[in-house]
Amino acid sequence: MKKKSIDIWYKINPVLGFIAMLVTQDIVLRLFFSKKKIINNGFSIPINSSIILAPTHRSRWDGLVLTYAMGRRVTNKDCRFMVTKSEMKGIQGWFLKRLGCFSINQLSPSLSALRYAITLIEKREQLVVFPEGKINKYGKKLFLKEGLYRLARLATKKSESIIIIPIGIAYSKVTPNFKSEFCLSLGQPIAMNDYLNFTIKEFNKFLNGEMRKQEEIALKNVGR
């Protein structure tokens, strides 16, 4: 019998999730960063909508910062991260799986991974996709990966209201160090149904602009 891949089928372990939240939010972020700022720009969490968070990706701290701003304590929803297969290896992978992360091959995503992501969206979980596809430390201009748009379009067949939230994350230092500052800026929700006639290239150009706009706001607030 062919062995079923279990990379993507882990649910969040409630005990491990509680411990991870306590350690990362109440200890690590509090001690490491001297200033933490969230700018919501009048943002309010969409009611009865499926949410896809689309943040810029500048550091390995981004996941913790995003959870601080939009995690269970704030939205009553866990951040379910879509990550690369390389990030799901070893001890790190063991923890990530049990904290609700799942892997996907960016070049050739499997049907099972896509179905699982769509199921999360359909169940109104809070899915996190980094459209740049990798850490872009210096914020170089990149073409966004096609996965988010393809996934969101497919999900509209299962859920009537798909909302994408562009997010900018910035640090006072290019490589965050002890007592650095961070700022996260939330953009206005993008209703996917309003952009179904866009090509992937058109939508990604629009989304990239919205993400960059929020990043500029965040950068100004950390003095860069």
N, C-alpha and C. Protein backbone atom coordinates (compact mmCIF):
# COMPACT_ATOMS: atom_id res chain seq x y z
N MET A 1 0.84 -1.19 0.00
CA MET A 1 0.00 0.00 0.00
C MET A 1 0.88 1.25 0.00
N LYS A 2 0.55 2.19 -0.85
CA LYS A 2 1.33 3.42 -0.93
C LYS A 2 1.15 4.23 0.34
N LYS A 3 2.25 4.66 0.90
CA LYS A 3 2.21 5.43 2.14
C LYS A 3 1.66 6.82 1.89
N LYS A 4 0.68 7.20 2.65
CA LYS A 4 0.07 8.53 2.50
C LYS A 4 0.97 9.60 3.11
N SER A 5 1.18 10.66 2.36
CA SER A 5 1.99 11.77 2.89
C SER A 5 1.22 12.45 4.00
N ILE A 6 1.90 12.68 5.13
CA ILE A 6 1.22 13.31 6.26
C ILE A 6 1.72 14.73 6.50
N ASP A 7 2.51 15.23 5.55
CA ASP A 7 3.09 16.56 5.73
C ASP A 7 2.05 17.63 6.05
N ILE A 8 0.88 17.51 5.43
CA ILE A 8 -0.07 18.62 5.53
C ILE A 8 -1.27 18.32 6.42
N TRP A 9 -1.32 17.16 7.04
CA TRP A 9 -2.56 16.77 7.69
C TRP A 9 -2.57 16.99 9.20
N TYR A 10 -1.58 17.66 9.73
CA TYR A 10 -1.55 17.89 11.17
C TYR A 10 -2.48 19.04 11.56
N LYS A 11 -3.23 18.80 12.62
CA LYS A 11 -4.00 19.89 13.22
C LYS A 11 -3.14 20.51 14.31
N ILE A 12 -3.55 21.68 14.78
CA ILE A 12 -2.77 22.35 15.81
C ILE A 12 -2.91 21.59 17.12
N ASN A 13 -1.78 21.24 17.70
CA ASN A 13 -1.78 20.59 19.00
C ASN A 13 -2.10 21.65 20.05
N PRO A 14 -3.22 21.51 20.78
CA PRO A 14 -3.64 22.58 21.70
C PRO A 14 -2.63 22.87 22.81
N VAL A 15 -1.99 21.84 23.34
CA VAL A 15 -1.01 22.06 24.41
C VAL A 15 0.23 22.75 23.86
N LEU A 16 0.75 22.22 22.76
CA LEU A 16 1.93 22.81 22.14
C LEU A 16 1.64 24.22 21.64
N GLY A 17 0.42 24.41 21.13
CA GLY A 17 0.03 25.73 20.65
C GLY A 17 0.00 26.75 21.78
N PHE A 18 -0.52 26.35 22.94
CA PHE A 18 -0.58 27.25 24.10
C PHE A 18 0.82 27.60 24.58
N ILE A 19 1.68 26.58 24.66
CA ILE A 19 3.06 26.82 25.12
C ILE A 19 3.80 27.72 24.14
N ALA A 20 3.63 27.44 22.84
CA ALA A 20 4.32 28.24 21.82
C ALA A 20 3.87 29.69 21.87
N MET A 21 2.57 29.91 22.06
CA MET A 21 2.06 31.28 22.15
C MET A 21 2.63 31.99 23.37
N LEU A 22 2.66 31.30 24.48
CA LEU A 22 3.18 31.88 25.72
C LEU A 22 4.66 32.25 25.56
N VAL A 23 5.43 31.33 25.03
CA VAL A 23 6.87 31.56 24.90
C VAL A 23 7.19 32.65 23.88
N THR A 24 6.57 32.56 22.71
CA THR A 24 6.91 33.51 21.64
C THR A 24 6.35 34.90 21.87
N GLN A 25 5.07 34.98 22.26
CA GLN A 25 4.42 36.28 22.39
C GLN A 25 4.75 36.99 23.70
N ASP A 26 4.74 36.25 24.79
CA ASP A 26 4.90 36.87 26.11
C ASP A 26 6.35 36.96 26.58
N ILE A 27 7.21 36.15 26.00
CA ILE A 27 8.61 36.17 26.44
C ILE A 27 9.55 36.65 25.33
N VAL A 28 9.60 35.91 24.22
CA VAL A 28 10.59 36.20 23.18
C VAL A 28 10.39 37.57 22.55
N LEU A 29 9.18 37.83 22.03
CA LEU A 29 8.95 39.12 21.37
C LEU A 29 9.05 40.28 22.36
N ARG A 30 8.57 40.06 23.56
CA ARG A 30 8.58 41.13 24.57
C ARG A 30 10.01 41.50 24.96
N LEU A 31 10.88 40.51 25.08
CA LEU A 31 12.25 40.78 25.50
C LEU A 31 13.15 41.20 24.34
N PHE A 32 12.93 40.63 23.16
CA PHE A 32 13.85 40.88 22.04
C PHE A 32 13.63 42.26 21.40
N PHE A 33 12.36 42.65 21.23
CA PHE A 33 12.07 43.92 20.57
C PHE A 33 11.75 45.01 21.59
N SER A 34 12.32 46.19 21.36
CA SER A 34 12.09 47.30 22.30
C SER A 34 10.77 48.00 22.04
N LYS A 35 10.29 47.90 20.81
CA LYS A 35 9.04 48.57 20.45
C LYS A 35 8.31 47.73 19.41
N LYS A 36 7.01 47.55 19.64
CA LYS A 36 6.17 46.77 18.74
C LYS A 36 4.95 47.62 18.37
N LYS A 37 4.75 47.83 17.09
CA LYS A 37 3.65 48.70 16.67
C LYS A 37 2.81 48.03 15.57
N ILE A 38 1.51 48.07 15.76
CA ILE A 38 0.57 47.55 14.77
C ILE A 38 -0.28 48.71 14.27
N ILE A 39 -0.29 48.93 12.97
CA ILE A 39 -1.10 50.00 12.37
C ILE A 39 -2.24 49.36 11.60
N ASN A 40 -3.47 49.61 12.04
CA ASN A 40 -4.58 48.93 11.36
C ASN A 40 -5.27 49.80 10.31
N ASN A 41 -4.91 51.10 10.23
CA ASN A 41 -5.45 51.96 9.17
C ASN A 41 -6.98 51.87 9.07
N GLY A 42 -7.64 51.79 10.22
CA GLY A 42 -9.10 51.68 10.21
C GLY A 42 -9.60 50.30 9.85
N PHE A 43 -8.68 49.34 9.82
CA PHE A 43 -9.03 47.97 9.44
C PHE A 43 -9.91 47.32 10.49
N SER A 44 -10.90 46.58 10.03
CA SER A 44 -11.70 45.76 10.93
C SER A 44 -11.78 44.36 10.34
N ILE A 45 -11.75 43.37 11.19
CA ILE A 45 -11.74 41.99 10.74
C ILE A 45 -13.04 41.67 10.00
N PRO A 46 -12.97 41.25 8.74
CA PRO A 46 -14.19 40.92 7.99
C PRO A 46 -14.99 39.82 8.68
N ILE A 47 -16.29 40.03 8.77
CA ILE A 47 -17.17 39.06 9.41
C ILE A 47 -17.63 38.03 8.38
N ASN A 48 -17.67 36.76 8.79
CA ASN A 48 -18.15 35.68 7.94
C ASN A 48 -17.44 35.60 6.60
N SER A 49 -16.15 35.87 6.61
CA SER A 49 -15.36 35.80 5.39
C SER A 49 -14.19 34.84 5.60
N SER A 50 -13.72 34.29 4.49
CA SER A 50 -12.51 33.47 4.51
C SER A 50 -11.33 34.40 4.26
N ILE A 51 -10.33 34.35 5.14
CA ILE A 51 -9.26 35.34 5.11
C ILE A 51 -7.93 34.72 4.67
N ILE A 52 -7.29 35.37 3.71
CA ILE A 52 -5.93 35.02 3.31
C ILE A 52 -5.05 36.22 3.62
N LEU A 53 -4.06 36.04 4.47
CA LEU A 53 -3.13 37.11 4.80
C LEU A 53 -1.96 37.06 3.82
N ALA A 54 -1.62 38.23 3.25
CA ALA A 54 -0.56 38.31 2.24
C ALA A 54 0.49 39.31 2.68
N PRO A 55 1.44 38.90 3.50
CA PRO A 55 2.46 39.82 4.02
C PRO A 55 3.75 39.85 3.18
N THR A 56 4.47 40.95 3.31
CA THR A 56 5.83 40.99 2.79
C THR A 56 6.67 40.04 3.64
N HIS A 57 7.82 39.64 3.12
CA HIS A 57 8.62 38.63 3.82
C HIS A 57 10.08 39.10 3.89
N ARG A 58 10.47 39.66 5.04
CA ARG A 58 11.79 40.25 5.18
C ARG A 58 12.69 39.54 6.18
N SER A 59 12.11 38.68 7.03
CA SER A 59 12.90 38.07 8.10
C SER A 59 12.21 36.81 8.60
N ARG A 60 12.99 35.96 9.25
CA ARG A 60 12.41 34.78 9.90
C ARG A 60 11.52 35.16 11.07
N TRP A 61 11.59 36.41 11.51
CA TRP A 61 10.73 36.88 12.57
C TRP A 61 9.30 37.13 12.08
N ASP A 62 9.09 37.19 10.78
CA ASP A 62 7.80 37.60 10.23
C ASP A 62 6.63 36.76 10.75
N GLY A 63 6.85 35.45 10.85
CA GLY A 63 5.77 34.57 11.31
C GLY A 63 5.32 34.90 12.72
N LEU A 64 6.29 35.16 13.61
CA LEU A 64 5.95 35.50 15.00
C LEU A 64 5.29 36.87 15.08
N VAL A 65 5.81 37.81 14.28
CA VAL A 65 5.23 39.16 14.27
C VAL A 65 3.79 39.12 13.77
N LEU A 66 3.57 38.34 12.71
CA LEU A 66 2.22 38.24 12.14
C LEU A 66 1.26 37.59 13.13
N THR A 67 1.73 36.57 13.83
CA THR A 67 0.88 35.92 14.85
C THR A 67 0.57 36.88 15.98
N TYR A 68 1.54 37.73 16.34
CA TYR A 68 1.34 38.75 17.38
C TYR A 68 0.22 39.71 16.97
N ALA A 69 0.19 40.07 15.68
CA ALA A 69 -0.77 41.07 15.20
C ALA A 69 -2.12 40.47 14.83
N MET A 70 -2.11 39.21 14.31
CA MET A 70 -3.35 38.65 13.75
C MET A 70 -3.62 37.22 14.22
N GLY A 71 -2.98 36.82 15.29
CA GLY A 71 -3.18 35.46 15.79
C GLY A 71 -4.43 35.31 16.63
N ARG A 72 -4.51 34.17 17.29
CA ARG A 72 -5.72 33.81 18.04
C ARG A 72 -6.12 34.83 19.09
N ARG A 73 -5.14 35.44 19.74
CA ARG A 73 -5.47 36.40 20.79
C ARG A 73 -6.18 37.64 20.25
N VAL A 74 -5.97 37.92 18.97
CA VAL A 74 -6.56 39.12 18.36
C VAL A 74 -7.80 38.80 17.54
N THR A 75 -7.72 37.76 16.72
CA THR A 75 -8.80 37.46 15.77
C THR A 75 -9.62 36.23 16.14
N ASN A 76 -9.22 35.52 17.19
CA ASN A 76 -9.84 34.23 17.54
C ASN A 76 -9.61 33.18 16.47
N LYS A 77 -8.63 33.42 15.59
CA LYS A 77 -8.26 32.47 14.55
C LYS A 77 -6.76 32.23 14.61
N ASP A 78 -6.36 30.98 14.44
CA ASP A 78 -4.94 30.68 14.35
C ASP A 78 -4.43 31.04 12.96
N CYS A 79 -3.18 31.42 12.85
CA CYS A 79 -2.56 31.65 11.56
C CYS A 79 -2.08 30.31 11.02
N ARG A 80 -2.63 29.89 9.91
CA ARG A 80 -2.25 28.61 9.29
C ARG A 80 -1.29 28.91 8.14
N PHE A 81 -0.02 28.72 8.37
CA PHE A 81 1.01 29.11 7.42
C PHE A 81 1.23 28.07 6.33
N MET A 82 1.25 28.53 5.09
CA MET A 82 1.67 27.71 3.97
C MET A 82 3.16 27.96 3.77
N VAL A 83 3.99 26.94 3.94
CA VAL A 83 5.43 27.13 3.89
C VAL A 83 6.05 26.20 2.85
N THR A 84 7.33 26.40 2.56
CA THR A 84 8.03 25.54 1.61
C THR A 84 8.39 24.22 2.27
N LYS A 85 8.61 23.20 1.44
CA LYS A 85 8.94 21.87 1.96
C LYS A 85 10.24 21.86 2.75
N SER A 86 11.18 22.72 2.35
CA SER A 86 12.48 22.76 3.05
C SER A 86 12.33 23.21 4.49
N GLU A 87 11.29 24.01 4.78
CA GLU A 87 11.09 24.51 6.14
C GLU A 87 10.45 23.47 7.05
N MET A 88 9.99 22.36 6.47
CA MET A 88 9.29 21.35 7.25
C MET A 88 10.18 20.15 7.58
N LYS A 89 11.48 20.38 7.54
CA LYS A 89 12.41 19.28 7.81
C LYS A 89 12.93 19.34 9.25
N GLY A 90 13.32 18.19 9.77
CA GLY A 90 13.97 18.12 11.07
C GLY A 90 13.08 18.53 12.24
N ILE A 91 13.75 18.99 13.31
CA ILE A 91 13.04 19.40 14.52
C ILE A 91 12.10 20.58 14.24
N GLN A 92 12.59 21.52 13.42
CA GLN A 92 11.74 22.67 13.08
C GLN A 92 10.46 22.20 12.41
N GLY A 93 10.57 21.28 11.48
CA GLY A 93 9.39 20.76 10.79
C GLY A 93 8.43 20.06 11.73
N TRP A 94 8.99 19.31 12.68
CA TRP A 94 8.14 18.60 13.66
C TRP A 94 7.26 19.59 14.41
N PHE A 95 7.86 20.69 14.87
CA PHE A 95 7.09 21.70 15.59
C PHE A 95 6.11 22.41 14.67
N LEU A 96 6.57 22.81 13.49
CA LEU A 96 5.71 23.57 12.58
C LEU A 96 4.46 22.78 12.20
N LYS A 97 4.62 21.49 11.96
CA LYS A 97 3.46 20.66 11.61
C LYS A 97 2.41 20.70 12.71
N ARG A 98 2.89 20.63 13.94
CA ARG A 98 1.97 20.56 15.08
C ARG A 98 1.46 21.93 15.52
N LEU A 99 1.96 22.98 14.86
CA LEU A 99 1.47 24.33 15.11
C LEU A 99 0.61 24.82 13.95
N GLY A 100 0.22 23.89 13.08
CA GLY A 100 -0.74 24.23 12.03
C GLY A 100 -0.16 24.61 10.69
N CYS A 101 1.16 24.51 10.52
CA CYS A 101 1.77 24.82 9.23
C CYS A 101 1.68 23.60 8.32
N PHE A 102 1.71 23.84 7.03
CA PHE A 102 1.74 22.75 6.07
C PHE A 102 2.58 23.15 4.88
N SER A 103 3.15 22.16 4.22
CA SER A 103 4.10 22.44 3.14
C SER A 103 3.46 22.35 1.78
N ILE A 104 4.09 23.04 0.82
CA ILE A 104 3.64 22.98 -0.56
C ILE A 104 4.85 23.17 -1.47
N ASN A 105 4.86 22.44 -2.55
CA ASN A 105 5.90 22.60 -3.55
C ASN A 105 5.52 23.77 -4.44
N GLN A 106 6.28 24.87 -4.37
CA GLN A 106 5.91 26.08 -5.09
C GLN A 106 5.93 25.89 -6.60
N LEU A 107 6.85 25.04 -7.08
CA LEU A 107 6.98 24.86 -8.53
C LEU A 107 5.91 23.92 -9.07
N SER A 108 5.53 22.93 -8.26
CA SER A 108 4.53 21.97 -8.71
C SER A 108 3.69 21.50 -7.52
N PRO A 109 2.74 22.34 -7.08
CA PRO A 109 1.94 22.00 -5.90
C PRO A 109 1.08 20.77 -6.15
N SER A 110 1.04 19.88 -5.17
CA SER A 110 0.24 18.67 -5.31
C SER A 110 -1.23 18.99 -5.14
N LEU A 111 -2.07 18.15 -5.72
CA LEU A 111 -3.52 18.36 -5.60
C LEU A 111 -3.96 18.25 -4.15
N SER A 112 -3.31 17.34 -3.39
CA SER A 112 -3.71 17.17 -1.99
C SER A 112 -3.41 18.42 -1.18
N ALA A 113 -2.28 19.08 -1.46
CA ALA A 113 -1.94 20.31 -0.75
C ALA A 113 -2.91 21.43 -1.11
N LEU A 114 -3.25 21.53 -2.38
CA LEU A 114 -4.20 22.56 -2.81
C LEU A 114 -5.58 22.31 -2.20
N ARG A 115 -6.01 21.06 -2.21
CA ARG A 115 -7.32 20.74 -1.62
C ARG A 115 -7.34 21.08 -0.14
N TYR A 116 -6.23 20.76 0.54
CA TYR A 116 -6.17 21.04 1.97
C TYR A 116 -6.24 22.55 2.23
N ALA A 117 -5.51 23.34 1.45
CA ALA A 117 -5.53 24.80 1.60
C ALA A 117 -6.93 25.34 1.35
N ILE A 118 -7.60 24.82 0.33
CA ILE A 118 -8.96 25.27 0.01
C ILE A 118 -9.92 24.87 1.12
N THR A 119 -9.71 23.69 1.70
CA THR A 119 -10.56 23.26 2.82
C THR A 119 -10.40 24.20 4.01
N LEU A 120 -9.17 24.62 4.30
CA LEU A 120 -8.95 25.58 5.38
C LEU A 120 -9.69 26.89 5.11
N ILE A 121 -9.61 27.36 3.86
CA ILE A 121 -10.30 28.60 3.49
C ILE A 121 -11.80 28.42 3.62
N GLU A 122 -12.30 27.29 3.13
CA GLU A 122 -13.73 27.01 3.18
C GLU A 122 -14.24 26.98 4.62
N LYS A 123 -13.41 26.49 5.54
CA LYS A 123 -13.80 26.42 6.95
C LYS A 123 -13.53 27.73 7.70
N ARG A 124 -13.17 28.76 6.92
CA ARG A 124 -12.91 30.11 7.45
C ARG A 124 -11.74 30.13 8.44
N GLU A 125 -10.77 29.27 8.17
CA GLU A 125 -9.51 29.38 8.89
C GLU A 125 -8.77 30.60 8.34
N GLN A 126 -7.69 30.98 8.99
CA GLN A 126 -6.93 32.16 8.56
C GLN A 126 -5.63 31.68 7.92
N LEU A 127 -5.61 31.68 6.59
CA LEU A 127 -4.47 31.16 5.86
C LEU A 127 -3.45 32.26 5.60
N VAL A 128 -2.17 31.94 5.81
CA VAL A 128 -1.08 32.89 5.55
C VAL A 128 -0.26 32.40 4.37
N VAL A 129 -0.15 33.25 3.35
CA VAL A 129 0.66 32.94 2.18
C VAL A 129 1.62 34.11 1.95
N PHE A 130 2.92 33.83 1.89
CA PHE A 130 3.89 34.87 1.56
C PHE A 130 4.03 34.91 0.04
N PRO A 131 3.40 35.89 -0.63
CA PRO A 131 3.37 35.91 -2.09
C PRO A 131 4.75 36.02 -2.74
N GLU A 132 5.73 36.57 -2.03
CA GLU A 132 7.07 36.69 -2.60
C GLU A 132 7.78 35.33 -2.67
N GLY A 133 7.28 34.37 -1.90
CA GLY A 133 7.77 33.01 -2.00
C GLY A 133 9.02 32.70 -1.20
N LYS A 134 9.70 33.72 -0.70
CA LYS A 134 10.92 33.51 0.07
C LYS A 134 11.24 34.79 0.83
N ILE A 135 12.19 34.70 1.77
CA ILE A 135 12.62 35.90 2.48
C ILE A 135 13.33 36.82 1.50
N ASN A 136 12.82 38.04 1.40
CA ASN A 136 13.37 39.06 0.50
C ASN A 136 13.95 40.16 1.40
N LYS A 137 15.10 39.87 1.98
CA LYS A 137 15.68 40.65 3.07
C LYS A 137 15.76 42.15 2.79
N TYR A 138 16.18 42.52 1.59
CA TYR A 138 16.38 43.93 1.28
C TYR A 138 15.20 44.55 0.51
N GLY A 139 14.11 43.81 0.41
CA GLY A 139 12.93 44.35 -0.25
C GLY A 139 13.09 44.61 -1.73
N LYS A 140 13.92 43.79 -2.39
CA LYS A 140 14.11 43.96 -3.82
C LYS A 140 12.80 43.69 -4.55
N LYS A 141 12.63 44.36 -5.68
CA LYS A 141 11.41 44.19 -6.45
C LYS A 141 11.38 42.79 -7.06
N LEU A 142 10.36 42.03 -6.70
CA LEU A 142 10.21 40.67 -7.19
C LEU A 142 8.85 40.50 -7.85
N PHE A 143 8.76 39.54 -8.76
CA PHE A 143 7.46 39.14 -9.28
C PHE A 143 6.85 38.18 -8.26
N LEU A 144 5.62 38.45 -7.87
CA LEU A 144 4.97 37.57 -6.90
C LEU A 144 4.71 36.20 -7.52
N LYS A 145 4.72 35.18 -6.67
CA LYS A 145 4.40 33.84 -7.12
C LYS A 145 2.92 33.78 -7.51
N GLU A 146 2.59 32.83 -8.38
CA GLU A 146 1.22 32.75 -8.90
C GLU A 146 0.27 32.00 -7.97
N GLY A 147 0.84 31.32 -6.96
CA GLY A 147 0.04 30.42 -6.15
C GLY A 147 -1.13 31.06 -5.43
N LEU A 148 -0.91 32.24 -4.84
CA LEU A 148 -1.98 32.86 -4.05
C LEU A 148 -3.20 33.14 -4.91
N TYR A 149 -2.99 33.72 -6.09
CA TYR A 149 -4.12 34.06 -6.96
C TYR A 149 -4.84 32.80 -7.43
N ARG A 150 -4.07 31.80 -7.84
CA ARG A 150 -4.69 30.55 -8.30
C ARG A 150 -5.51 29.92 -7.17
N LEU A 151 -4.94 29.90 -5.98
CA LEU A 151 -5.61 29.31 -4.83
C LEU A 151 -6.89 30.08 -4.49
N ALA A 152 -6.79 31.40 -4.47
CA ALA A 152 -7.96 32.23 -4.14
C ALA A 152 -9.07 32.05 -5.16
N ARG A 153 -8.72 31.97 -6.43
CA ARG A 153 -9.72 31.76 -7.48
C ARG A 153 -10.43 30.41 -7.30
N LEU A 154 -9.64 29.38 -7.05
CA LEU A 154 -10.24 28.06 -6.83
C LEU A 154 -11.16 28.07 -5.62
N ALA A 155 -10.74 28.79 -4.58
CA ALA A 155 -11.51 28.82 -3.33
C ALA A 155 -12.84 29.55 -3.50
N THR A 156 -12.94 30.47 -4.47
CA THR A 156 -14.21 31.18 -4.67
C THR A 156 -15.32 30.23 -5.10
N LYS A 157 -14.95 29.05 -5.58
CA LYS A 157 -15.96 28.06 -5.96
C LYS A 157 -16.54 27.36 -4.73
N LYS A 158 -15.81 27.49 -3.60
CA LYS A 158 -16.24 26.83 -2.37
C LYS A 158 -16.75 27.81 -1.32
N SER A 159 -16.31 29.05 -1.40
CA SER A 159 -16.68 30.06 -0.41
C SER A 159 -17.08 31.34 -1.12
N GLU A 160 -18.17 31.94 -0.70
CA GLU A 160 -18.70 33.12 -1.38
C GLU A 160 -17.87 34.36 -1.13
N SER A 161 -17.20 34.43 0.01
CA SER A 161 -16.47 35.64 0.38
C SER A 161 -15.02 35.33 0.72
N ILE A 162 -14.13 35.58 -0.23
CA ILE A 162 -12.70 35.40 -0.01
C ILE A 162 -12.06 36.78 0.11
N ILE A 163 -11.43 37.02 1.24
CA ILE A 163 -10.80 38.32 1.50
C ILE A 163 -9.29 38.15 1.59
N ILE A 164 -8.56 38.94 0.83
CA ILE A 164 -7.10 38.95 0.90
C ILE A 164 -6.66 40.25 1.58
N ILE A 165 -5.80 40.13 2.58
CA ILE A 165 -5.36 41.31 3.32
C ILE A 165 -3.87 41.55 3.06
N PRO A 166 -3.54 42.63 2.33
CA PRO A 166 -2.12 42.96 2.10
C PRO A 166 -1.50 43.51 3.37
N ILE A 167 -0.29 43.07 3.68
CA ILE A 167 0.35 43.45 4.94
C ILE A 167 1.81 43.82 4.69
N GLY A 168 2.24 44.89 5.32
CA GLY A 168 3.65 45.28 5.26
C GLY A 168 4.29 45.10 6.63
N ILE A 169 5.45 44.45 6.66
CA ILE A 169 6.19 44.25 7.91
C ILE A 169 7.56 44.88 7.76
N ALA A 170 7.97 45.66 8.73
CA ALA A 170 9.28 46.32 8.67
C ALA A 170 9.96 46.29 10.03
N TYR A 171 11.29 46.30 9.99
CA TYR A 171 12.11 46.30 11.20
C TYR A 171 13.05 47.51 11.17
N SER A 172 13.43 47.97 12.34
CA SER A 172 14.33 49.13 12.40
C SER A 172 15.72 48.80 11.87
N LYS A 173 16.08 47.52 11.86
CA LYS A 173 17.33 47.06 11.29
C LYS A 173 17.01 46.05 10.18
N VAL A 174 17.79 46.07 9.11
CA VAL A 174 17.56 45.12 8.02
C VAL A 174 17.57 43.69 8.57
N THR A 175 18.56 43.40 9.41
CA THR A 175 18.59 42.14 10.14
C THR A 175 18.25 42.45 11.59
N PRO A 176 17.04 42.13 12.05
CA PRO A 176 16.64 42.50 13.41
C PRO A 176 17.61 41.97 14.46
N ASN A 177 17.99 42.85 15.40
CA ASN A 177 18.83 42.41 16.50
C ASN A 177 18.19 42.82 17.82
N PHE A 178 18.86 42.48 18.90
CA PHE A 178 18.31 42.72 20.23
C PHE A 178 17.95 44.19 20.42
N LYS A 179 16.72 44.42 20.86
CA LYS A 179 16.16 45.74 21.12
C LYS A 179 15.86 46.53 19.83
N SER A 180 15.74 45.82 18.72
CA SER A 180 15.24 46.44 17.50
C SER A 180 13.75 46.77 17.67
N GLU A 181 13.19 47.42 16.67
CA GLU A 181 11.76 47.72 16.65
C GLU A 181 11.13 47.03 15.44
N PHE A 182 9.85 46.75 15.54
CA PHE A 182 9.14 46.30 14.35
C PHE A 182 7.79 47.01 14.26
N CYS A 183 7.30 47.07 13.03
CA CYS A 183 5.98 47.65 12.78
C CYS A 183 5.30 46.81 11.71
N LEU A 184 4.03 46.57 11.91
CA LEU A 184 3.22 45.85 10.94
C LEU A 184 2.04 46.73 10.56
N SER A 185 1.81 46.88 9.26
CA SER A 185 0.72 47.73 8.77
C SER A 185 -0.25 46.90 7.93
N LEU A 186 -1.53 46.97 8.29
CA LEU A 186 -2.57 46.21 7.61
C LEU A 186 -3.25 47.06 6.54
N GLY A 187 -3.33 46.52 5.33
CA GLY A 187 -4.01 47.23 4.26
C GLY A 187 -5.50 46.94 4.24
N GLN A 188 -6.21 47.62 3.37
CA GLN A 188 -7.64 47.39 3.25
C GLN A 188 -7.92 46.03 2.62
N PRO A 189 -8.91 45.31 3.13
CA PRO A 189 -9.23 43.98 2.60
C PRO A 189 -9.58 44.04 1.11
N ILE A 190 -9.08 43.05 0.38
CA ILE A 190 -9.35 42.93 -1.05
C ILE A 190 -10.35 41.79 -1.25
N ALA A 191 -11.53 42.11 -1.77
CA ALA A 191 -12.55 41.10 -2.02
C ALA A 191 -12.23 40.39 -3.33
N MET A 192 -11.92 39.11 -3.25
CA MET A 192 -11.48 38.37 -4.43
C MET A 192 -12.50 38.39 -5.55
N ASN A 193 -13.77 38.37 -5.23
CA ASN A 193 -14.82 38.36 -6.26
C ASN A 193 -14.78 39.58 -7.16
N ASP A 194 -14.16 40.67 -6.69
CA ASP A 194 -14.07 41.89 -7.50
C ASP A 194 -12.94 41.83 -8.51
N TYR A 195 -12.11 40.77 -8.45
CA TYR A 195 -10.92 40.72 -9.30
C TYR A 195 -10.83 39.42 -10.11
N LEU A 196 -11.94 38.75 -10.28
CA LEU A 196 -11.93 37.49 -10.99
C LEU A 196 -11.65 37.66 -12.48
N ASN A 197 -11.86 38.86 -13.00
CA ASN A 197 -11.59 39.10 -14.42
C ASN A 197 -10.15 39.54 -14.67
N PHE A 198 -9.35 39.66 -13.60
CA PHE A 198 -7.94 40.03 -13.75
C PHE A 198 -7.12 38.81 -14.18
N THR A 199 -6.10 39.05 -14.96
CA THR A 199 -5.12 38.00 -15.22
C THR A 199 -4.24 37.86 -13.97
N ILE A 200 -3.49 36.77 -13.89
CA ILE A 200 -2.58 36.60 -12.76
C ILE A 200 -1.59 37.75 -12.69
N LYS A 201 -1.05 38.14 -13.84
CA LYS A 201 -0.07 39.21 -13.89
C LYS A 201 -0.66 40.53 -13.40
N GLU A 202 -1.89 40.83 -13.82
CA GLU A 202 -2.55 42.07 -13.41
C GLU A 202 -2.83 42.07 -11.91
N PHE A 203 -3.33 40.95 -11.41
CA PHE A 203 -3.66 40.89 -9.99
C PHE A 203 -2.41 40.97 -9.14
N ASN A 204 -1.36 40.24 -9.53
CA ASN A 204 -0.12 40.26 -8.74
C ASN A 204 0.51 41.65 -8.72
N LYS A 205 0.41 42.37 -9.83
CA LYS A 205 0.93 43.75 -9.87
C LYS A 205 0.15 44.62 -8.89
N PHE A 206 -1.16 44.43 -8.87
CA PHE A 206 -2.01 45.19 -7.94
C PHE A 206 -1.70 44.83 -6.49
N LEU A 207 -1.65 43.53 -6.19
CA LEU A 207 -1.39 43.07 -4.83
C LEU A 207 -0.01 43.51 -4.36
N ASN A 208 0.98 43.40 -5.22
CA ASN A 208 2.34 43.82 -4.88
C ASN A 208 2.36 45.30 -4.51
N GLY A 209 1.63 46.11 -5.28
CA GLY A 209 1.56 47.53 -4.98
C GLY A 209 0.94 47.81 -3.62
N GLU A 210 -0.12 47.05 -3.27
CA GLU A 210 -0.78 47.23 -1.98
C GLU A 210 0.12 46.79 -0.83
N MET A 211 0.85 45.70 -1.02
CA MET A 211 1.78 45.22 0.01
C MET A 211 2.90 46.23 0.22
N ARG A 212 3.44 46.74 -0.89
CA ARG A 212 4.53 47.72 -0.81
C ARG A 212 4.06 49.01 -0.14
N LYS A 213 2.84 49.40 -0.42
CA LYS A 213 2.28 50.61 0.18
C LYS A 213 2.25 50.48 1.70
N GLN A 214 1.84 49.31 2.18
CA GLN A 214 1.79 49.08 3.62
C GLN A 214 3.20 48.96 4.21
N GLU A 215 4.11 48.42 3.43
CA GLU A 215 5.49 48.32 3.92
C GLU A 215 6.11 49.71 4.09
N GLU A 216 5.81 50.61 3.16
CA GLU A 216 6.33 51.97 3.27
C GLU A 216 5.84 52.63 4.56
N ILE A 217 4.59 52.40 4.90
CA ILE A 217 4.03 52.94 6.15
C ILE A 217 4.79 52.36 7.34
N ALA A 218 5.00 51.05 7.30
CA ALA A 218 5.72 50.38 8.39
C ALA A 218 7.15 50.85 8.50
N LEU A 219 7.83 51.03 7.37
CA LEU A 219 9.22 51.48 7.37
C LEU A 219 9.36 52.87 7.99
N LYS A 220 8.45 53.76 7.68
CA LYS A 220 8.50 55.11 8.26
C LYS A 220 8.35 55.06 9.77
N ASN A 221 7.57 54.11 10.24
CA ASN A 221 7.33 54.03 11.68
C ASN A 221 8.47 53.38 12.47
N VAL A 222 9.43 52.81 11.74
CA VAL A 222 10.61 52.27 12.43
C VAL A 222 11.86 53.09 12.07
N GLY A 223 11.64 54.23 11.44
CA GLY A 223 12.74 55.14 11.15
C GLY A 223 13.60 54.77 9.97
N ARG A 224 13.03 54.10 8.98
CA ARG A 224 13.80 53.72 7.78
C ARG A 224 13.16 54.30 6.54
